[in-house]
Amino acid sequence: MDSDNHTSAGVDPHTVMMFSGHRTASMLKRYHIIALDDLRRAAERGSAYAPGHRAVVTFPMRTRRERAE
């Protein structure tokens, strides 16, 4: 399990840094890649939290490689 998976699982970033050997938060952040599906889930959670508030959320179009997966 890599640091992205630990972070996504909700493990405290400081704990992930100690476990993975990242010495600074900037190193951990540099290698934490956010997937488009994660952004979509975050938007859905935010909409569910404040159902009366309408926000416009846009996402970049998927590349051919992403569509093929």
PDB file of N, CA and C in Angstrom:
ATOM      1  N   MET A   1       0.858  -1.183   0.000  1.00  0.00           N
ATOM      2  CA  MET A   1       0.000   0.000   0.000  1.00  0.00           C
ATOM      3  C   MET A   1       0.902   1.243   0.000  1.00  0.00           C
ATOM      4  N   ASP A   2       0.711   2.124  -0.970  1.00  0.00           N
ATOM      5  CA  ASP A   2       1.554   3.304  -1.051  1.00  0.00           C
ATOM      6  C   ASP A   2       0.929   4.477  -0.307  1.00  0.00           C
ATOM      7  N   SER A   3       1.632   5.589  -0.300  1.00  0.00           N
ATOM      8  CA  SER A   3       1.170   6.739   0.476  1.00  0.00           C
ATOM      9  C   SER A   3      -0.153   7.286  -0.035  1.00  0.00           C
ATOM     10  N   ASP A   4      -0.413   7.204  -1.352  1.00  0.00           N
ATOM     11  CA  ASP A   4      -1.700   7.661  -1.883  1.00  0.00           C
ATOM     12  C   ASP A   4      -2.852   6.864  -1.275  1.00  0.00           C
ATOM     13  N   ASN A   5      -2.673   5.564  -1.188  1.00  0.00           N
ATOM     14  CA  ASN A   5      -3.731   4.721  -0.628  1.00  0.00           C
ATOM     15  C   ASN A   5      -3.946   5.007   0.844  1.00  0.00           C
ATOM     16  N   HIS A   6      -2.877   5.222   1.589  1.00  0.00           N
ATOM     17  CA  HIS A   6      -3.022   5.553   3.007  1.00  0.00           C
ATOM     18  C   HIS A   6      -3.764   6.873   3.175  1.00  0.00           C
ATOM     19  N   THR A   7      -3.374   7.862   2.401  1.00  0.00           N
ATOM     20  CA  THR A   7      -4.010   9.172   2.483  1.00  0.00           C
ATOM     21  C   THR A   7      -5.482   9.076   2.107  1.00  0.00           C
ATOM     22  N   SER A   8      -5.785   8.335   1.036  1.00  0.00           N
ATOM     23  CA  SER A   8      -7.171   8.166   0.603  1.00  0.00           C
ATOM     24  C   SER A   8      -7.995   7.400   1.627  1.00  0.00           C
ATOM     25  N   ALA A   9      -7.345   6.517   2.379  1.00  0.00           N
ATOM     26  CA  ALA A   9      -8.041   5.735   3.396  1.00  0.00           C
ATOM     27  C   ALA A   9      -8.325   6.556   4.649  1.00  0.00           C
ATOM     28  N   GLY A  10      -7.795   7.777   4.702  1.00  0.00           N
ATOM     29  CA  GLY A  10      -8.090   8.648   5.837  1.00  0.00           C
ATOM     30  C   GLY A  10      -7.035   8.635   6.927  1.00  0.00           C
ATOM     31  N   VAL A  11      -5.881   8.025   6.661  1.00  0.00           N
ATOM     32  CA  VAL A  11      -4.807   8.017   7.651  1.00  0.00           C
ATOM     33  C   VAL A  11      -4.232   9.429   7.742  1.00  0.00           C
ATOM     34  N   ASP A  12      -3.944   9.858   8.953  1.00  0.00           N
ATOM     35  CA  ASP A  12      -3.387  11.186   9.205  1.00  0.00           C
ATOM     36  C   ASP A  12      -2.117  11.396   8.367  1.00  0.00           C
ATOM     37  N   PRO A  13      -2.001  12.526   7.655  1.00  0.00           N
ATOM     38  CA  PRO A  13      -0.834  12.756   6.791  1.00  0.00           C
ATOM     39  C   PRO A  13       0.508  12.639   7.522  1.00  0.00           C
ATOM     40  N   HIS A  14       0.565  13.078   8.775  1.00  0.00           N
ATOM     41  CA  HIS A  14       1.813  12.977   9.529  1.00  0.00           C
ATOM     42  C   HIS A  14       2.194  11.507   9.732  1.00  0.00           C
ATOM     43  N   THR A  15       1.211  10.670   9.999  1.00  0.00           N
ATOM     44  CA  THR A  15       1.449   9.241  10.163  1.00  0.00           C
ATOM     45  C   THR A  15       1.905   8.622   8.848  1.00  0.00           C
ATOM     46  N   VAL A  16       1.286   9.029   7.748  1.00  0.00           N
ATOM     47  CA  VAL A  16       1.684   8.526   6.431  1.00  0.00           C
ATOM     48  C   VAL A  16       3.129   8.919   6.148  1.00  0.00           C
ATOM     49  N   MET A  17       3.512  10.142   6.501  1.00  0.00           N
ATOM     50  CA  MET A  17       4.889  10.595   6.290  1.00  0.00           C
ATOM     51  C   MET A  17       5.871   9.725   7.067  1.00  0.00           C
ATOM     52  N   MET A  18       5.537   9.410   8.302  1.00  0.00           N
ATOM     53  CA  MET A  18       6.433   8.588   9.120  1.00  0.00           C
ATOM     54  C   MET A  18       6.535   7.176   8.547  1.00  0.00           C
ATOM     55  N   PHE A  19       5.422   6.646   8.086  1.00  0.00           N
ATOM     56  CA  PHE A  19       5.377   5.288   7.552  1.00  0.00           C
ATOM     57  C   PHE A  19       6.117   5.185   6.220  1.00  0.00           C
ATOM     58  N   SER A  20       5.936   6.181   5.357  1.00  0.00           N
ATOM     59  CA  SER A  20       6.494   6.111   4.005  1.00  0.00           C
ATOM     60  C   SER A  20       7.912   6.656   3.900  1.00  0.00           C
ATOM     61  N   GLY A  21       8.353   7.391   4.906  1.00  0.00           N
ATOM     62  CA  GLY A  21       9.707   7.940   4.871  1.00  0.00           C
ATOM     63  C   GLY A  21       9.807   9.319   4.256  1.00  0.00           C
ATOM     64  N   HIS A  22       8.680   9.943   3.919  1.00  0.00           N
ATOM     65  CA  HIS A  22       8.715  11.317   3.418  1.00  0.00           C
ATOM     66  C   HIS A  22       9.121  12.223   4.575  1.00  0.00           C
ATOM     67  N   ARG A  23      10.108  13.055   4.340  1.00  0.00           N
ATOM     68  CA  ARG A  23      10.613  13.897   5.426  1.00  0.00           C
ATOM     69  C   ARG A  23       9.836  15.188   5.603  1.00  0.00           C
ATOM     70  N   THR A  24       9.200  15.657   4.543  1.00  0.00           N
ATOM     71  CA  THR A  24       8.444  16.912   4.632  1.00  0.00           C
ATOM     72  C   THR A  24       7.055  16.723   4.036  1.00  0.00           C
ATOM     73  N   ALA A  25       6.155  17.599   4.437  1.00  0.00           N
ATOM     74  CA  ALA A  25       4.793  17.556   3.896  1.00  0.00           C
ATOM     75  C   ALA A  25       4.797  17.863   2.404  1.00  0.00           C
ATOM     76  N   SER A  26       5.729  18.689   1.955  1.00  0.00           N
ATOM     77  CA  SER A  26       5.782  19.019   0.523  1.00  0.00           C
ATOM     78  C   SER A  26       6.163  17.789  -0.303  1.00  0.00           C
ATOM     79  N   MET A  27       7.002  16.911   0.240  1.00  0.00           N
ATOM     80  CA  MET A  27       7.336  15.670  -0.465  1.00  0.00           C
ATOM     81  C   MET A  27       6.105  14.775  -0.575  1.00  0.00           C
ATOM     82  N   LEU A  28       5.365  14.664   0.524  1.00  0.00           N
ATOM     83  CA  LEU A  28       4.155  13.844   0.514  1.00  0.00           C
ATOM     84  C   LEU A  28       3.152  14.402  -0.489  1.00  0.00           C
ATOM     85  N   LYS A  29       2.980  15.715  -0.473  1.00  0.00           N
ATOM     86  CA  LYS A  29       2.025  16.366  -1.372  1.00  0.00           C
ATOM     87  C   LYS A  29       2.449  16.213  -2.837  1.00  0.00           C
ATOM     88  N   ARG A  30       3.732  16.266  -3.109  1.00  0.00           N
ATOM     89  CA  ARG A  30       4.241  16.151  -4.467  1.00  0.00           C
ATOM     90  C   ARG A  30       3.839  14.831  -5.121  1.00  0.00           C
ATOM     91  N   TYR A  31       3.834  13.776  -4.342  1.00  0.00           N
ATOM     92  CA  TYR A  31       3.549  12.460  -4.898  1.00  0.00           C
ATOM     93  C   TYR A  31       2.108  12.015  -4.706  1.00  0.00           C
ATOM     94  N   HIS A  32       1.272  12.851  -4.114  1.00  0.00           N
ATOM     95  CA  HIS A  32      -0.141  12.508  -3.955  1.00  0.00           C
ATOM     96  C   HIS A  32      -0.901  12.993  -5.185  1.00  0.00           C
ATOM     97  N   ILE A  33      -1.245  12.058  -6.050  1.00  0.00           N
ATOM     98  CA  ILE A  33      -1.945  12.364  -7.287  1.00  0.00           C
ATOM     99  C   ILE A  33      -3.440  12.217  -7.041  1.00  0.00           C
ATOM    100  N   ILE A  34      -4.210  13.226  -7.409  1.00  0.00           N
ATOM    101  CA  ILE A  34      -5.656  13.193  -7.203  1.00  0.00           C
ATOM    102  C   ILE A  34      -6.329  12.756  -8.496  1.00  0.00           C
ATOM    103  N   ALA A  35      -7.060  11.671  -8.425  1.00  0.00           N
ATOM    104  CA  ALA A  35      -7.759  11.137  -9.595  1.00  0.00           C
ATOM    105  C   ALA A  35      -9.060  11.918  -9.827  1.00  0.00           C
ATOM    106  N   LEU A  36      -9.505  11.957 -11.070  1.00  0.00           N
ATOM    107  CA  LEU A  36     -10.750  12.654 -11.394  1.00  0.00           C
ATOM    108  C   LEU A  36     -11.933  12.034 -10.658  1.00  0.00           C
ATOM    109  N   ASP A  37     -11.925  10.723 -10.486  1.00  0.00           N
ATOM    110  CA  ASP A  37     -13.013  10.079  -9.750  1.00  0.00           C
ATOM    111  C   ASP A  37     -13.061  10.556  -8.303  1.00  0.00           C
ATOM    112  N   ASP A  38     -11.900  10.817  -7.704  1.00  0.00           N
ATOM    113  CA  ASP A  38     -11.855  11.349  -6.344  1.00  0.00           C
ATOM    114  C   ASP A  38     -12.475  12.746  -6.292  1.00  0.00           C
ATOM    115  N   LEU A  39     -12.205  13.560  -7.316  1.00  0.00           N
ATOM    116  CA  LEU A  39     -12.796  14.901  -7.380  1.00  0.00           C
ATOM    117  C   LEU A  39     -14.316  14.823  -7.522  1.00  0.00           C
ATOM    118  N   ARG A  40     -14.775  13.887  -8.344  1.00  0.00           N
ATOM    119  CA  ARG A  40     -16.225  13.723  -8.520  1.00  0.00           C
ATOM    120  C   ARG A  40     -16.897  13.305  -7.215  1.00  0.00           C
ATOM    121  N   ARG A  41     -16.275  12.344  -6.517  1.00  0.00           N
ATOM    122  CA  ARG A  41     -16.843  11.900  -5.237  1.00  0.00           C
ATOM    123  C   ARG A  41     -16.868  13.044  -4.233  1.00  0.00           C
ATOM    124  N   ALA A  42     -15.832  13.859  -4.212  1.00  0.00           N
ATOM    125  CA  ALA A  42     -15.790  15.004  -3.305  1.00  0.00           C
ATOM    126  C   ALA A  42     -16.905  15.994  -3.638  1.00  0.00           C
ATOM    127  N   ALA A  43     -17.158  16.225  -4.915  1.00  0.00           N
ATOM    128  CA  ALA A  43     -18.237  17.129  -5.323  1.00  0.00           C
ATOM    129  C   ALA A  43     -19.591  16.565  -4.908  1.00  0.00           C
ATOM    130  N   GLU A  44     -19.769  15.250  -5.058  1.00  0.00           N
ATOM    131  CA  GLU A  44     -21.033  14.624  -4.647  1.00  0.00           C
ATOM    132  C   GLU A  44     -21.236  14.739  -3.142  1.00  0.00           C
ATOM    133  N   ARG A  45     -20.175  14.513  -2.374  1.00  0.00           N
ATOM    134  CA  ARG A  45     -20.283  14.632  -0.914  1.00  0.00           C
ATOM    135  C   ARG A  45     -20.622  16.056  -0.506  1.00  0.00           C
ATOM    136  N   GLY A  46     -19.982  17.022  -1.174  1.00  0.00           N
ATOM    137  CA  GLY A  46     -20.263  18.425  -0.865  1.00  0.00           C
ATOM    138  C   GLY A  46     -21.696  18.796  -1.200  1.00  0.00           C
ATOM    139  N   SER A  47     -22.213  18.274  -2.310  1.00  0.00           N
ATOM    140  CA  SER A  47     -23.601  18.545  -2.686  1.00  0.00           C
ATOM    141  C   SER A  47     -24.570  17.910  -1.706  1.00  0.00           C
ATOM    142  N   ALA A  48     -24.243  16.717  -1.231  1.00  0.00           N
ATOM    143  CA  ALA A  48     -25.105  16.033  -0.267  1.00  0.00           C
ATOM    144  C   ALA A  48     -25.093  16.750   1.082  1.00  0.00           C
ATOM    145  N   TYR A  49     -23.973  17.360   1.419  1.00  0.00           N
ATOM    146  CA  TYR A  49     -23.849  18.061   2.698  1.00  0.00           C
ATOM    147  C   TYR A  49     -24.685  19.332   2.719  1.00  0.00           C
ATOM    148  N   ALA A  50     -24.721  20.044   1.616  1.00  0.00           N
ATOM    149  CA  ALA A  50     -25.472  21.294   1.517  1.00  0.00           C
ATOM    150  C   ALA A  50     -26.424  21.193   0.332  1.00  0.00           C
ATOM    151  N   PRO A  51     -27.534  20.420   0.482  1.00  0.00           N
ATOM    152  CA  PRO A  51     -28.413  20.179  -0.665  1.00  0.00           C
ATOM    153  C   PRO A  51     -29.101  21.425  -1.209  1.00  0.00           C
ATOM    154  N   GLY A  52     -29.297  22.444  -0.406  1.00  0.00           N
ATOM    155  CA  GLY A  52     -29.960  23.653  -0.874  1.00  0.00           C
ATOM    156  C   GLY A  52     -29.043  24.574  -1.651  1.00  0.00           C
ATOM    157  N   HIS A  53     -27.763  24.359  -1.547  1.00  0.00           N
ATOM    158  CA  HIS A  53     -26.780  25.214  -2.205  1.00  0.00           C
ATOM    159  C   HIS A  53     -26.377  24.567  -3.522  1.00  0.00           C
ATOM    160  N   ARG A  54     -26.524  25.279  -4.604  1.00  0.00           N
ATOM    161  CA  ARG A  54     -26.171  24.735  -5.922  1.00  0.00           C
ATOM    162  C   ARG A  54     -24.837  25.306  -6.350  1.00  0.00           C
ATOM    163  N   ALA A  55     -23.910  24.423  -6.596  1.00  0.00           N
ATOM    164  CA  ALA A  55     -22.593  24.833  -7.057  1.00  0.00           C
ATOM    165  C   ALA A  55     -22.340  24.212  -8.423  1.00  0.00           C
ATOM    166  N   VAL A  56     -21.657  24.942  -9.265  1.00  0.00           N
ATOM    167  CA  VAL A  56     -21.302  24.419 -10.575  1.00  0.00           C
ATOM    168  C   VAL A  56     -19.899  23.842 -10.471  1.00  0.00           C
ATOM    169  N   VAL A  57     -19.779  22.569 -10.782  1.00  0.00           N
ATOM    170  CA  VAL A  57     -18.487  21.899 -10.721  1.00  0.00           C
ATOM    171  C   VAL A  57     -18.145  21.408 -12.117  1.00  0.00           C
ATOM    172  N   THR A  58     -17.000  21.794 -12.604  1.00  0.00           N
ATOM    173  CA  THR A  58     -16.567  21.333 -13.921  1.00  0.00           C
ATOM    174  C   THR A  58     -15.312  20.501 -13.771  1.00  0.00           C
ATOM    175  N   PHE A  59     -15.151  19.546 -14.662  1.00  0.00           N
ATOM    176  CA  PHE A  59     -13.988  18.685 -14.667  1.00  0.00           C
ATOM    177  C   PHE A  59     -13.391  18.694 -16.058  1.00  0.00           C
ATOM    178  N   PRO A  60     -12.082  18.569 -16.145  1.00  0.00           N
ATOM    179  CA  PRO A  60     -11.475  18.513 -17.470  1.00  0.00           C
ATOM    180  C   PRO A  60     -11.917  17.249 -18.199  1.00  0.00           C
ATOM    181  N   MET A  61     -11.948  17.329 -19.507  1.00  0.00           N
ATOM    182  CA  MET A  61     -12.336  16.163 -20.297  1.00  0.00           C
ATOM    183  C   MET A  61     -11.289  15.073 -20.149  1.00  0.00           C
ATOM    184  N   ARG A  62     -11.732  13.837 -20.212  1.00  0.00           N
ATOM    185  CA  ARG A  62     -10.810  12.716 -20.101  1.00  0.00           C
ATOM    186  C   ARG A  62      -9.998  12.556 -21.383  1.00  0.00           C
ATOM    187  N   THR A  63      -8.774  12.100 -21.216  1.00  0.00           N
ATOM    188  CA  THR A  63      -7.932  11.828 -22.375  1.00  0.00           C
ATOM    189  C   THR A  63      -8.365  10.512 -23.016  1.00  0.00           C
ATOM    190  N   ARG A  64      -7.864  10.230 -24.183  1.00  0.00           N
ATOM    191  CA  ARG A  64      -8.209   8.960 -24.850  1.00  0.00           C
ATOM    192  C   ARG A  64      -7.807   7.772 -23.988  1.00  0.00           C
ATOM    193  N   ARG A  65      -6.661   7.864 -23.353  1.00  0.00           N
ATOM    194  CA  ARG A  65      -6.191   6.763 -22.514  1.00  0.00           C
ATOM    195  C   ARG A  65      -7.149   6.543 -21.344  1.00  0.00           C
ATOM    196  N   GLU A  66      -7.610   7.621 -20.703  1.00  0.00           N
ATOM    197  CA  GLU A  66      -8.548   7.483 -19.586  1.00  0.00           C
ATOM    198  C   GLU A  66      -9.878   6.911 -20.032  1.00  0.00           C
ATOM    199  N   ARG A  67     -10.346   7.316 -21.222  1.00  0.00           N
ATOM    200  CA  ARG A  67     -11.622   6.784 -21.733  1.00  0.00           C
ATOM    201  C   ARG A  67     -11.510   5.312 -22.062  1.00  0.00           C
ATOM    202  N   ALA A  68     -10.337   4.867 -22.493  1.00  0.00           N
ATOM    203  CA  ALA A  68     -10.147   3.467 -22.875  1.00  0.00           C
ATOM    204  C   ALA A  68     -10.091   2.545 -21.663  1.00  0.00           C
ATOM    205  N   GLU A  69      -9.784   3.088 -20.493  1.00  0.00           N
ATOM    206  CA  GLU A  69      -9.650   2.244 -19.298  1.00  0.00           C
ATOM    207  C   GLU A  69     -10.969   1.825 -18.737  1.00  0.00           C
TER     208      GLU A  69
END
